[in-house]
Protein backbone atom coordinates (compact mmCIF):
# COMPACT_ATOMS: atom_id res chain seq x y z
CA UNK A 1 -42.41 36.97 55.73
CA UNK A 2 -46.41 35.21 55.83
CA UNK A 3 -45.35 33.09 52.74
CA UNK A 4 -42.08 32.07 54.58
CA UNK A 5 -44.18 31.13 57.72
CA UNK A 6 -46.62 28.92 56.20
CA UNK A 7 -43.56 27.09 54.28
CA UNK A 8 -41.66 26.77 57.46
CA UNK A 9 -45.35 25.20 59.28
CA UNK A 10 -45.58 22.95 56.09
CA UNK A 11 -41.94 21.81 55.75
CA UNK A 12 -42.56 21.02 59.62
CA UNK A 13 -45.75 19.18 59.50
CA UNK A 14 -44.12 17.02 56.19
CA UNK A 15 -41.20 16.18 58.39
CA UNK A 16 -43.66 15.37 61.83
CA UNK A 17 -46.09 13.10 60.06
CA UNK A 18 -42.45 11.18 58.48
CA UNK A 19 -41.16 10.56 61.44
CA UNK A 20 -44.30 9.41 62.90
CA UNK A 21 -44.62 6.88 60.40
CA UNK A 22 -41.51 5.72 60.73
CA UNK A 23 -41.83 5.33 64.44
CA UNK A 24 -45.08 3.68 64.68
CA UNK A 25 -44.21 -0.05 64.44
CA UNK A 26 -46.85 -0.62 62.38
CA UNK A 27 -45.50 -3.24 59.59
CA UNK A 28 -48.17 -1.79 57.42
CA UNK A 29 -45.81 1.55 57.43
CA UNK A 30 -42.69 -0.27 56.83
CA UNK A 31 -43.31 -3.34 54.66
CA UNK A 32 -43.99 -3.02 50.47
CA UNK A 33 -47.12 -4.12 49.69
CA UNK A 34 -46.81 -7.91 48.05
CA UNK A 35 -47.97 -8.73 44.94
CA UNK A 36 -51.14 -10.86 44.43
CA UNK A 37 -49.97 -14.34 43.41
CA UNK A 38 -50.74 -14.91 39.49
CA UNK A 39 -53.88 -17.02 38.70
CA UNK A 40 -53.21 -20.36 37.16
CA UNK A 41 -53.80 -20.95 33.66
CA UNK A 42 -56.94 -22.46 32.26
CA UNK A 43 -56.53 -25.91 31.06
CA UNK A 44 -58.08 -27.04 27.86
CA UNK A 45 -57.82 -30.87 26.98
CA UNK A 46 -58.78 -32.20 24.02
CA UNK A 47 -59.63 -36.10 23.47
CA UNK A 48 -58.96 -38.11 20.63
CA UNK A 49 -60.23 -40.92 18.02
CA UNK A 50 -62.35 -43.59 19.68
CA UNK A 51 -62.91 -41.51 22.94
CA UNK A 52 -64.61 -38.40 24.10
CA UNK A 53 -63.99 -36.01 27.16
CA UNK A 54 -64.89 -38.74 30.02
CA UNK A 55 -61.42 -39.66 29.07
CA UNK A 56 -60.04 -37.25 30.98
CA UNK A 57 -62.10 -37.54 34.19
CA UNK A 58 -59.03 -38.71 35.99
CA UNK A 59 -56.94 -35.84 35.01
CA UNK A 60 -59.73 -33.09 35.73
CA UNK A 61 -60.01 -33.94 39.25
CA UNK A 62 -56.21 -34.27 39.83
CA UNK A 63 -56.30 -30.70 37.82
CA UNK A 64 -59.04 -28.94 39.76
CA UNK A 65 -57.66 -30.25 42.78
CA UNK A 66 -54.70 -28.56 42.14
CA UNK A 67 -56.54 -25.27 41.50
CA UNK A 68 -56.83 -24.99 38.15
CA UNK A 69 -59.77 -24.30 35.94
CA UNK A 70 -60.45 -27.24 33.11
CA UNK A 71 -62.44 -26.84 29.98
CA UNK A 72 -62.54 -30.69 28.37
CA UNK A 73 -63.36 -29.64 24.46
CA UNK A 74 -66.02 -31.91 22.80
CA UNK A 75 -63.48 -33.01 19.77
CA UNK A 76 -65.93 -33.47 16.77
CA UNK A 77 -63.82 -36.15 14.93
CA UNK A 78 -64.95 -35.16 11.74
CA UNK A 79 -62.19 -33.30 9.88
CA UNK A 80 -58.71 -31.53 10.72
CA UNK A 81 -59.12 -28.35 9.79
CA UNK A 82 -63.27 -28.44 10.79
CA UNK A 83 -61.97 -29.48 14.70
CA UNK A 84 -59.59 -27.23 14.65
CA UNK A 85 -61.70 -24.23 14.04
CA UNK A 86 -63.84 -25.90 16.95
CA UNK A 87 -61.34 -25.54 19.05
CA UNK A 88 -60.08 -22.41 18.22
CA UNK A 89 -63.29 -21.00 18.93
CA UNK A 90 -62.86 -22.91 22.65
CA UNK A 91 -59.85 -21.16 23.07
CA UNK A 92 -61.18 -17.85 22.16
CA UNK A 93 -63.53 -17.88 24.91
CA UNK A 94 -60.94 -18.74 27.40
CA UNK A 95 -59.81 -15.63 28.84
CA UNK A 96 -56.31 -15.15 30.83
CA UNK A 97 -53.50 -17.82 29.63
CA UNK A 98 -54.10 -21.07 28.52
CA UNK A 99 -52.70 -24.60 28.53
CA UNK A 100 -53.62 -26.84 25.66
CA UNK A 101 -53.16 -30.44 26.61
CA UNK A 102 -54.20 -32.77 23.05
CA UNK A 103 -54.55 -36.91 23.38
CA UNK A 104 -53.59 -39.02 20.44
CA UNK A 105 -55.54 -37.20 17.17
CA UNK A 106 -56.04 -34.26 19.91
CA UNK A 107 -52.66 -33.16 19.16
CA UNK A 108 -52.63 -33.23 15.45
CA UNK A 109 -56.02 -30.92 16.33
CA UNK A 110 -54.47 -28.64 18.95
CA UNK A 111 -51.00 -27.97 17.26
CA UNK A 112 -53.62 -26.67 14.20
CA UNK A 113 -55.72 -24.99 16.52
CA UNK A 114 -53.21 -23.34 19.21
CA UNK A 115 -51.40 -21.64 16.19
CA UNK A 116 -51.37 -17.71 16.56
CA UNK A 117 -53.19 -17.74 19.84
CA UNK A 118 -51.45 -15.45 22.03
CA UNK A 119 -53.11 -16.58 25.04
CA UNK A 120 -51.72 -20.19 24.53
CA UNK A 121 -48.56 -20.28 26.71
CA UNK A 122 -47.88 -24.31 26.31
CA UNK A 123 -49.00 -27.24 24.52
CA UNK A 124 -48.76 -30.76 25.92
CA UNK A 125 -48.87 -33.44 23.85
CA UNK A 126 -49.79 -37.08 25.48
CA UNK A 127 -49.35 -40.55 23.32
CA UNK A 128 -50.04 -37.99 20.33
CA UNK A 129 -49.22 -36.74 17.03
CA UNK A 130 -46.93 -33.87 16.86
CA UNK A 131 -47.46 -32.76 13.17
CA UNK A 132 -45.32 -30.84 10.60
CA UNK A 133 -47.42 -29.02 7.76
CA UNK A 134 -47.85 -30.99 5.14
CA UNK A 135 -48.01 -34.71 7.08
CA UNK A 136 -51.03 -36.32 7.98
CA UNK A 137 -52.07 -38.49 10.92
CA UNK A 138 -52.02 -41.50 9.14
CA UNK A 139 -48.56 -40.88 7.79
CA UNK A 140 -47.00 -40.54 11.92
CA UNK A 141 -49.00 -43.40 12.96
CA UNK A 142 -47.21 -45.42 9.86
CA UNK A 143 -43.71 -43.88 9.95
CA UNK A 144 -42.40 -46.48 12.46
CA UNK A 145 -42.95 -50.36 13.08
CA UNK A 146 -44.94 -51.29 16.15
CA UNK A 147 -48.77 -50.30 15.39
CA UNK A 148 -51.10 -52.57 15.84
CA UNK A 149 -54.27 -50.65 15.74
CA UNK A 150 -54.76 -49.92 11.69
CA UNK A 151 -55.83 -54.24 11.25
CA UNK A 152 -58.30 -53.34 14.58
CA UNK A 153 -60.55 -51.06 12.63
CA UNK A 154 -63.85 -51.52 11.66
CA UNK A 155 -64.56 -49.10 8.81
CA UNK A 156 -68.39 -47.97 8.42
CA UNK A 157 -69.71 -46.18 5.43
CA UNK A 158 -71.18 -42.38 6.04
CA UNK A 159 -73.01 -39.49 4.07
CA UNK A 160 -70.94 -36.64 3.96
CA UNK A 161 -72.48 -33.28 4.55
CA UNK A 162 -71.03 -31.95 0.84
CA UNK A 163 -73.51 -34.66 -0.55
CA UNK A 164 -70.68 -36.96 -0.96
CA UNK A 165 -69.71 -40.25 0.94
CA UNK A 166 -66.83 -41.19 3.68
CA UNK A 167 -65.93 -43.57 5.76
CA UNK A 168 -66.03 -43.71 9.90
CA UNK A 169 -63.39 -45.86 11.72
CA UNK A 170 -64.43 -47.78 15.18
CA UNK A 171 -61.85 -49.86 16.58
CA UNK A 172 -63.24 -53.37 17.01
CA UNK A 173 -64.96 -54.09 20.59
CA UNK A 174 -63.25 -57.06 20.91
CA UNK A 175 -59.76 -55.35 19.95
CA UNK A 176 -60.42 -52.19 21.92
CA UNK A 177 -58.34 -53.58 25.28
CA UNK A 178 -55.87 -54.92 23.65
CA UNK A 179 -54.52 -52.26 20.93
CA UNK A 180 -55.76 -49.17 22.92
CA UNK A 181 -56.24 -50.26 26.44
CA UNK A 182 -54.48 -53.20 27.73
CA UNK A 183 -53.63 -51.42 31.36
CA UNK A 184 -57.12 -50.53 32.10
CA UNK A 185 -59.66 -52.48 34.02
CA UNK A 186 -61.53 -55.30 31.80
CA UNK A 187 -65.14 -53.77 32.96
CA UNK A 188 -63.87 -50.01 32.24
CA UNK A 189 -62.08 -51.04 28.88
CA UNK A 190 -65.13 -52.28 27.85
CA UNK A 191 -67.83 -49.30 28.71
CA UNK A 192 -64.79 -47.32 26.83
CA UNK A 193 -65.28 -49.75 23.40
CA UNK A 194 -68.98 -49.38 23.40
CA UNK A 195 -68.83 -45.68 23.97
CA UNK A 196 -66.32 -44.89 21.59
CA UNK A 197 -66.61 -41.69 19.15
CA UNK A 198 -65.77 -42.40 15.58
CA UNK A 199 -63.49 -40.42 13.68
CA UNK A 200 -63.96 -40.07 9.99
CA UNK A 201 -60.93 -41.71 7.60
CA UNK A 202 -61.20 -38.35 5.88
CA UNK A 203 -59.61 -36.76 9.37
CA UNK A 204 -57.06 -38.93 9.94
CA UNK A 205 -55.67 -38.45 5.70
CA UNK A 206 -55.97 -34.50 6.26
CA UNK A 207 -52.51 -32.56 5.61
CA UNK A 208 -51.83 -30.27 8.94
CA UNK A 209 -51.42 -26.10 7.58
CA UNK A 210 -50.09 -24.99 10.96
CA UNK A 211 -47.95 -26.29 13.85
CA UNK A 212 -47.77 -24.61 16.68
CA UNK A 213 -45.51 -26.25 18.27
CA UNK A 214 -43.19 -24.39 16.42
CA UNK A 215 -44.01 -20.80 18.17
CA UNK A 216 -45.21 -22.52 21.48
CA UNK A 217 -43.47 -24.33 23.82
CA UNK A 218 -44.36 -27.93 24.38
CA UNK A 219 -43.93 -31.13 26.83
CA UNK A 220 -44.34 -34.97 25.22
CA UNK A 221 -45.34 -38.18 26.88
CA UNK A 222 -44.11 -40.92 25.44
CA UNK A 223 -46.28 -44.21 26.19
CA UNK A 224 -43.72 -47.26 25.90
CA UNK A 225 -46.19 -49.74 25.83
CA UNK A 226 -48.86 -48.24 23.02
CA UNK A 227 -50.05 -50.32 20.46
CA UNK A 228 -51.74 -47.47 18.45
CA UNK A 229 -48.81 -45.12 18.29
CA UNK A 230 -45.14 -46.33 18.16
CA UNK A 231 -42.96 -45.06 20.95
CA UNK A 232 -40.09 -44.39 18.29
CA UNK A 233 -42.67 -42.20 15.96
CA UNK A 234 -43.41 -40.33 19.52
CA UNK A 235 -39.93 -39.47 20.52
CA UNK A 236 -39.30 -38.96 16.62
CA UNK A 237 -42.05 -36.35 16.85
CA UNK A 238 -40.92 -34.52 20.16
CA UNK A 239 -37.45 -34.57 19.23
CA UNK A 240 -37.63 -32.84 16.20
CA UNK A 241 -40.23 -29.84 18.20
CA UNK A 242 -37.76 -30.00 20.96
CA UNK A 243 -40.27 -30.75 23.03
CA UNK A 244 -39.74 -31.71 26.71
CA UNK A 245 -40.24 -35.62 26.96
CA UNK A 246 -41.33 -37.81 29.51
CA UNK A 247 -41.40 -41.40 29.17
CA UNK A 248 -44.44 -43.37 31.18
CA UNK A 249 -44.99 -47.47 30.96
CA UNK A 250 -48.10 -47.44 29.86
CA UNK A 251 -50.83 -47.75 26.78
CA UNK A 252 -52.19 -45.05 24.03
CA UNK A 253 -55.20 -44.92 27.42
CA UNK A 254 -52.82 -43.25 30.00
CA UNK A 255 -55.52 -40.28 30.78
CA UNK A 256 -57.48 -43.25 31.96
CA UNK A 257 -54.88 -45.88 33.08
CA UNK A 258 -52.36 -43.16 34.56
CA UNK A 259 -54.39 -39.64 34.98
CA UNK A 260 -51.56 -38.96 37.50
CA UNK A 261 -48.69 -38.75 35.61
CA UNK A 262 -50.67 -36.79 32.44
CA UNK A 263 -51.93 -34.38 35.40
CA UNK A 264 -47.93 -34.10 36.64
CA UNK A 265 -47.04 -33.31 33.02
CA UNK A 266 -49.89 -30.75 32.42
CA UNK A 267 -48.98 -28.77 35.95
CA UNK A 268 -45.09 -28.73 34.82
CA UNK A 269 -45.96 -27.08 31.81
CA UNK A 270 -48.20 -24.31 33.51
CA UNK A 271 -45.41 -23.73 36.28
CA UNK A 272 -42.55 -23.37 33.58
CA UNK A 273 -44.80 -20.87 31.55
CA UNK A 274 -46.19 -18.93 34.38
CA UNK A 275 -45.82 -15.07 34.02
């Protein structure tokens, strides 16, 4: 009998508590808790040849204003595989999801570095190269007519780390704005020409061994006034990779001349792959 009385009391208490909670009018007691908003992915930016991380400055300002954490990697421009190893180490050091954007040769490096990286959710190719395994950056640059960068390059012999020799490539300063940055103000283009970082000839001729765009969703920004990479070549690579392609009327230096367009495409890639 004593046990039955305790059971009745306990049951009555539970019912009373439930009734009180349901009739209290406290919104917290009646509305399920909402999940916290998902944090935005970190955007890792990879510059190409004849440029440095400052070429992303306008893009970085746009992305950070929208709440994205950003890392602009210093691409060594020494060799495709070694450059990719370095960028992969940058990706390894980022916690959480990542969107990677590569400009020009930076796209070649990005494809190699991001392959097999589980935290990389999207790739954004900006006036860039989407190489297939076995292809070189030089192959794709020359695949279609219209590129005018080759004759504007200056070759400087260098000593290679292994004791051999090689060549660094620069864009001749007097040709820089015409072939690389035609829609950039003259004073800015002059600074870019003077501070450009060279790339080794070997890096442009080193075959790709990986193609991250085969397993990671990709976006492709085609610059229709580009004299470094023909727009037709960018379209071909984007179609082959089944990338979402956007075209803008810009020179090869689109990250400087139209940072809003570049940042908007990166934002679209991040939103489309969130979660």
